[in-house]
Amino acid sequence: MNRNVSIFIEGLVRGEDESSITTKATGVYRMLDDVHILKYMESAVKRDKESDATDKEPVGADEDCVNTIKISSGLVEMIKIGENSTHMVFDLSRSTQSVYGTPYGSLYFQIETKRIDIEEKENELVLNMEYALSHEDSHISDNRIYLTVNNL
C-alpha cells in the first residue's frame, strides 16, 4: 500500500439509543514491525449553543486533532491528541482501561474487546472490530468499528 491513503471509519454505538458516526479522511500509512500505522488530522466543529440541533452551520473550528491508529493481530490502539484526547487499547487477550480527557474533566472507561478481524489486501486494509464499553463496572454500550484504508 502507498504512503498516502484514504481512510473511512464507520462507528456504530448500541446503548440506550443507537447512533453511528462516519469519518472520512486522508492520511499517512506505514507498516512497522508487522503493525499497520495510520496517522491523520481531524477538525472538530463548534456549534452555536443557541442554534437548534438541526443547524449544520459551524460557528468556529476547534483545535485540530491528530489521530493515530495502530493495528496488529489481536490488538488495536487508537490515540487522539487535541482538545479531547484519549488512548484506547483494544486487546482480545484482556480488558483494558481508557481515559477520555476533555477541557471539562476526564472520563474513565473499561473496554472489553470481543472481535478484531483484519483483512489485508495489496491496496486495501479492512478492520472490523467489536467491543463493549463500561464505566465503573456499569455497561454503557456495545460498539462496532468498521475501518477501510485505500491507496489515494
C-alpha atoms as a PDB file:
ATOM      1  CA  MET A   1       0.000   0.000   0.000  1.00  0.00           C
ATOM      2  CA  ASN A   2       1.168   3.536  -0.741  1.00  0.00           C
ATOM      3  CA  ARG A   3       2.154   6.004   1.934  1.00  0.00           C
ATOM      4  CA  ASN A   4      -0.753   8.418   1.244  1.00  0.00           C
ATOM      5  CA  VAL A   5      -4.135   6.817   1.834  1.00  0.00           C
ATOM      6  CA  SER A   6      -7.846   7.402   2.081  1.00  0.00           C
ATOM      7  CA  ILE A   7      -9.369   6.395   5.440  1.00  0.00           C
ATOM      8  CA  PHE A   8     -13.036   5.598   6.021  1.00  0.00           C
ATOM      9  CA  ILE A   9     -14.267   4.850   9.549  1.00  0.00           C
ATOM     10  CA  GLU A  10     -17.816   3.932  10.478  1.00  0.00           C
ATOM     11  CA  GLY A  11     -18.635   3.533  14.142  1.00  0.00           C
ATOM     12  CA  LEU A  12     -21.886   2.103  15.486  1.00  0.00           C
ATOM     13  CA  VAL A  13     -22.904   2.589  19.124  1.00  0.00           C
ATOM     14  CA  ARG A  14     -25.674   0.429  20.609  1.00  0.00           C
ATOM     15  CA  GLY A  15     -26.699   1.588  24.077  1.00  0.00           C
ATOM     16  CA  GLU A  16     -29.954   3.150  25.268  1.00  0.00           C
ATOM     17  CA  ASP A  17     -30.170   4.605  21.766  1.00  0.00           C
ATOM     18  CA  GLU A  18     -28.385   3.545  18.599  1.00  0.00           C
ATOM     19  CA  SER A  19     -26.195   6.015  16.738  1.00  0.00           C
ATOM     20  CA  SER A  20     -23.487   5.974  14.113  1.00  0.00           C
ATOM     21  CA  ILE A  21     -20.506   8.154  13.318  1.00  0.00           C
ATOM     22  CA  THR A  22     -18.742   8.313   9.963  1.00  0.00           C
ATOM     23  CA  THR A  23     -15.300   9.789   9.353  1.00  0.00           C
ATOM     24  CA  LYS A  24     -13.560  10.228   6.008  1.00  0.00           C
ATOM     25  CA  ALA A  25     -10.000  11.494   5.903  1.00  0.00           C
ATOM     26  CA  THR A  26      -6.759  11.341   4.025  1.00  0.00           C
ATOM     27  CA  GLY A  27      -3.720  10.296   5.953  1.00  0.00           C
ATOM     28  CA  VAL A  28      -0.392   8.555   6.011  1.00  0.00           C
ATOM     29  CA  TYR A  29       0.088   4.787   6.195  1.00  0.00           C
ATOM     30  CA  ARG A  30       3.176   2.834   7.127  1.00  0.00           C
ATOM     31  CA  MET A  31       3.998  -0.687   8.225  1.00  0.00           C
ATOM     32  CA  LEU A  32       6.489  -1.121  11.076  1.00  0.00           C
ATOM     33  CA  ASP A  33       7.315  -4.488  12.687  1.00  0.00           C
ATOM     34  CA  ASP A  34       4.059  -6.105  11.429  1.00  0.00           C
ATOM     35  CA  VAL A  35       1.999  -3.169  12.774  1.00  0.00           C
ATOM     36  CA  HIS A  36      -0.176  -1.104  10.416  1.00  0.00           C
ATOM     37  CA  ILE A  37       0.114   2.559  11.460  1.00  0.00           C
ATOM     38  CA  LEU A  38      -2.308   5.248  10.263  1.00  0.00           C
ATOM     39  CA  LYS A  39      -2.000   8.934  11.054  1.00  0.00           C
ATOM     40  CA  TYR A  40      -4.497  11.621  10.045  1.00  0.00           C
ATOM     41  CA  MET A  41      -5.836  15.031  11.077  1.00  0.00           C
ATOM     42  CA  GLU A  42      -9.405  15.648  12.149  1.00  0.00           C
ATOM     43  CA  SER A  43     -11.081  19.021  12.549  1.00  0.00           C
ATOM     44  CA  ALA A  44     -13.804  19.317  15.161  1.00  0.00           C
ATOM     45  CA  VAL A  45     -16.512  21.934  14.779  1.00  0.00           C
ATOM     46  CA  LYS A  46     -18.153  24.086  17.432  1.00  0.00           C
ATOM     47  CA  ARG A  47     -21.848  24.863  17.132  1.00  0.00           C
ATOM     48  CA  ASP A  48     -23.645  27.973  18.311  1.00  0.00           C
ATOM     49  CA  LYS A  49     -25.229  26.966  21.633  1.00  0.00           C
ATOM     50  CA  GLU A  50     -28.426  28.806  20.763  1.00  0.00           C
ATOM     51  CA  SER A  51     -28.865  27.283  17.304  1.00  0.00           C
ATOM     52  CA  ASP A  52     -31.190  24.332  17.038  1.00  0.00           C
ATOM     53  CA  ALA A  53     -29.831  20.795  16.780  1.00  0.00           C
ATOM     54  CA  THR A  54     -30.554  20.570  13.043  1.00  0.00           C
ATOM     55  CA  ASP A  55     -28.439  23.662  12.241  1.00  0.00           C
ATOM     56  CA  LYS A  56     -25.387  22.392  10.344  1.00  0.00           C
ATOM     57  CA  GLU A  57     -23.504  25.698  10.018  1.00  0.00           C
ATOM     58  CA  PRO A  58     -20.295  25.796  12.056  1.00  0.00           C
ATOM     59  CA  VAL A  59     -19.653  28.815  14.254  1.00  0.00           C
ATOM     60  CA  GLY A  60     -15.905  28.232  14.632  1.00  0.00           C
ATOM     61  CA  ALA A  61     -13.421  25.410  14.417  1.00  0.00           C
ATOM     62  CA  ASP A  62     -11.969  23.696  17.478  1.00  0.00           C
ATOM     63  CA  GLU A  63      -8.326  22.791  17.693  1.00  0.00           C
ATOM     64  CA  ASP A  64      -7.362  20.149  15.124  1.00  0.00           C
ATOM     65  CA  CYS A  65      -6.836  16.635  16.465  1.00  0.00           C
ATOM     66  CA  VAL A  66      -4.049  14.289  15.439  1.00  0.00           C
ATOM     67  CA  ASN A  67      -5.270  10.689  15.277  1.00  0.00           C
ATOM     68  CA  THR A  68      -3.047   7.630  15.211  1.00  0.00           C
ATOM     69  CA  ILE A  69      -4.349   4.088  14.777  1.00  0.00           C
ATOM     70  CA  LYS A  70      -2.070   1.079  15.247  1.00  0.00           C
ATOM     71  CA  ILE A  71      -3.410  -2.274  14.041  1.00  0.00           C
ATOM     72  CA  SER A  72      -1.866  -5.683  14.628  1.00  0.00           C
ATOM     73  CA  SER A  73      -3.124  -9.198  15.216  1.00  0.00           C
ATOM     74  CA  GLY A  74      -5.434  -9.171  18.256  1.00  0.00           C
ATOM     75  CA  LEU A  75      -4.529  -5.580  19.223  1.00  0.00           C
ATOM     76  CA  VAL A  76      -5.667  -2.126  18.078  1.00  0.00           C
ATOM     77  CA  GLU A  77      -4.644   1.208  19.589  1.00  0.00           C
ATOM     78  CA  MET A  78      -6.439   4.478  18.880  1.00  0.00           C
ATOM     79  CA  ILE A  79      -4.712   7.648  20.027  1.00  0.00           C
ATOM     80  CA  LYS A  80      -6.349  11.054  19.725  1.00  0.00           C
ATOM     81  CA  ILE A  81      -4.437  14.198  20.683  1.00  0.00           C
ATOM     82  CA  GLY A  82      -6.213  17.541  20.734  1.00  0.00           C
ATOM     83  CA  GLU A  83      -8.832  19.377  22.784  1.00  0.00           C
ATOM     84  CA  ASN A  84     -10.398  15.980  23.576  1.00  0.00           C
ATOM     85  CA  SER A  85      -7.667  13.347  23.965  1.00  0.00           C
ATOM     86  CA  THR A  86      -7.701   9.611  24.535  1.00  0.00           C
ATOM     87  CA  HIS A  87      -5.587   6.489  24.182  1.00  0.00           C
ATOM     88  CA  MET A  88      -7.827   3.468  23.732  1.00  0.00           C
ATOM     89  CA  VAL A  89      -6.379  -0.055  23.635  1.00  0.00           C
ATOM     90  CA  PHE A  90      -8.487  -2.883  22.199  1.00  0.00           C
ATOM     91  CA  ASP A  91      -6.896  -6.180  23.214  1.00  0.00           C
ATOM     92  CA  LEU A  92      -8.518  -9.581  22.610  1.00  0.00           C
ATOM     93  CA  SER A  93      -6.466 -11.148  25.424  1.00  0.00           C
ATOM     94  CA  ARG A  94      -7.551  -8.814  28.253  1.00  0.00           C
ATOM     95  CA  SER A  95      -9.819  -5.964  29.350  1.00  0.00           C
ATOM     96  CA  THR A  96      -8.269  -2.518  29.193  1.00  0.00           C
ATOM     97  CA  GLN A  97      -8.952   0.922  30.659  1.00  0.00           C
ATOM     98  CA  SER A  98      -9.011   4.264  28.904  1.00  0.00           C
ATOM     99  CA  VAL A  99      -9.134   7.887  29.969  1.00  0.00           C
ATOM    100  CA  TYR A 100     -11.003  10.321  27.733  1.00  0.00           C
ATOM    101  CA  GLY A 101      -9.726  13.801  28.536  1.00  0.00           C
ATOM    102  CA  THR A 102     -11.888  16.837  27.834  1.00  0.00           C
ATOM    103  CA  PRO A 103     -11.496  20.510  28.785  1.00  0.00           C
ATOM    104  CA  TYR A 104     -14.162  19.845  31.437  1.00  0.00           C
ATOM    105  CA  GLY A 105     -12.504  16.837  33.080  1.00  0.00           C
ATOM    106  CA  SER A 106     -11.616  13.211  32.471  1.00  0.00           C
ATOM    107  CA  LEU A 107     -13.893  10.236  31.892  1.00  0.00           C
ATOM    108  CA  TYR A 108     -12.708   6.710  32.724  1.00  0.00           C
ATOM    109  CA  PHE A 109     -13.858   3.697  30.708  1.00  0.00           C
ATOM    110  CA  GLN A 110     -13.274  -0.050  30.652  1.00  0.00           C
ATOM    111  CA  ILE A 111     -13.020  -1.764  27.255  1.00  0.00           C
ATOM    112  CA  GLU A 112     -13.867  -5.416  26.641  1.00  0.00           C
ATOM    113  CA  THR A 113     -12.800  -6.302  23.089  1.00  0.00           C
ATOM    114  CA  LYS A 114     -14.947  -9.010  21.546  1.00  0.00           C
ATOM    115  CA  ARG A 115     -13.654  -9.218  17.977  1.00  0.00           C
ATOM    116  CA  ILE A 116     -10.810  -7.885  15.831  1.00  0.00           C
ATOM    117  CA  ASP A 117     -10.866  -9.010  12.185  1.00  0.00           C
ATOM    118  CA  ILE A 118      -8.159  -7.691   9.872  1.00  0.00           C
ATOM    119  CA  GLU A 119      -8.207  -8.257   6.118  1.00  0.00           C
ATOM    120  CA  GLU A 120      -5.021  -7.279   4.291  1.00  0.00           C
ATOM    121  CA  LYS A 121      -5.031  -6.827   0.530  1.00  0.00           C
ATOM    122  CA  GLU A 122      -2.415  -5.350  -1.777  1.00  0.00           C
ATOM    123  CA  ASN A 123      -4.069  -1.911  -1.952  1.00  0.00           C
ATOM    124  CA  GLU A 124      -6.556  -2.092   0.909  1.00  0.00           C
ATOM    125  CA  LEU A 125      -6.713  -2.756   4.642  1.00  0.00           C
ATOM    126  CA  VAL A 126     -10.033  -3.566   6.350  1.00  0.00           C
ATOM    127  CA  LEU A 127     -10.597  -3.650  10.111  1.00  0.00           C
ATOM    128  CA  ASN A 128     -13.848  -4.878  11.641  1.00  0.00           C
ATOM    129  CA  MET A 129     -13.898  -4.639  15.425  1.00  0.00           C
ATOM    130  CA  GLU A 130     -16.491  -5.061  18.185  1.00  0.00           C
ATOM    131  CA  TYR A 131     -16.179  -4.081  21.834  1.00  0.00           C
ATOM    132  CA  ALA A 132     -18.199  -3.240  24.936  1.00  0.00           C
ATOM    133  CA  LEU A 133     -17.699  -0.013  26.874  1.00  0.00           C
ATOM    134  CA  SER A 134     -18.422   0.348  30.593  1.00  0.00           C
ATOM    135  CA  HIS A 135     -17.872   2.872  33.365  1.00  0.00           C
ATOM    136  CA  GLU A 136     -17.342   1.807  36.972  1.00  0.00           C
ATOM    137  CA  ASP A 137     -18.471  -1.742  36.038  1.00  0.00           C
ATOM    138  CA  SER A 138     -21.742  -0.423  34.604  1.00  0.00           C
ATOM    139  CA  HIS A 139     -22.323  -1.344  30.927  1.00  0.00           C
ATOM    140  CA  ILE A 140     -22.657   1.709  28.681  1.00  0.00           C
ATOM    141  CA  SER A 141     -22.766   0.387  25.127  1.00  0.00           C
ATOM    142  CA  ASP A 142     -21.828  -2.270  22.600  1.00  0.00           C
ATOM    143  CA  ASN A 143     -19.818  -0.818  19.728  1.00  0.00           C
ATOM    144  CA  ARG A 144     -18.588  -1.710  16.268  1.00  0.00           C
ATOM    145  CA  ILE A 145     -15.893  -0.018  14.225  1.00  0.00           C
ATOM    146  CA  TYR A 146     -15.507  -0.685  10.523  1.00  0.00           C
ATOM    147  CA  LEU A 147     -12.391   0.889   9.010  1.00  0.00           C
ATOM    148  CA  THR A 148     -11.102   0.738   5.436  1.00  0.00           C
ATOM    149  CA  VAL A 149      -7.829   2.139   4.146  1.00  0.00           C
ATOM    150  CA  ASN A 150      -7.169   2.511   0.418  1.00  0.00           C
ATOM    151  CA  ASN A 151      -4.436   3.991  -1.758  1.00  0.00           C
ATOM    152  CA  LEU A 152      -5.114   7.518  -2.974  1.00  0.00           C
END
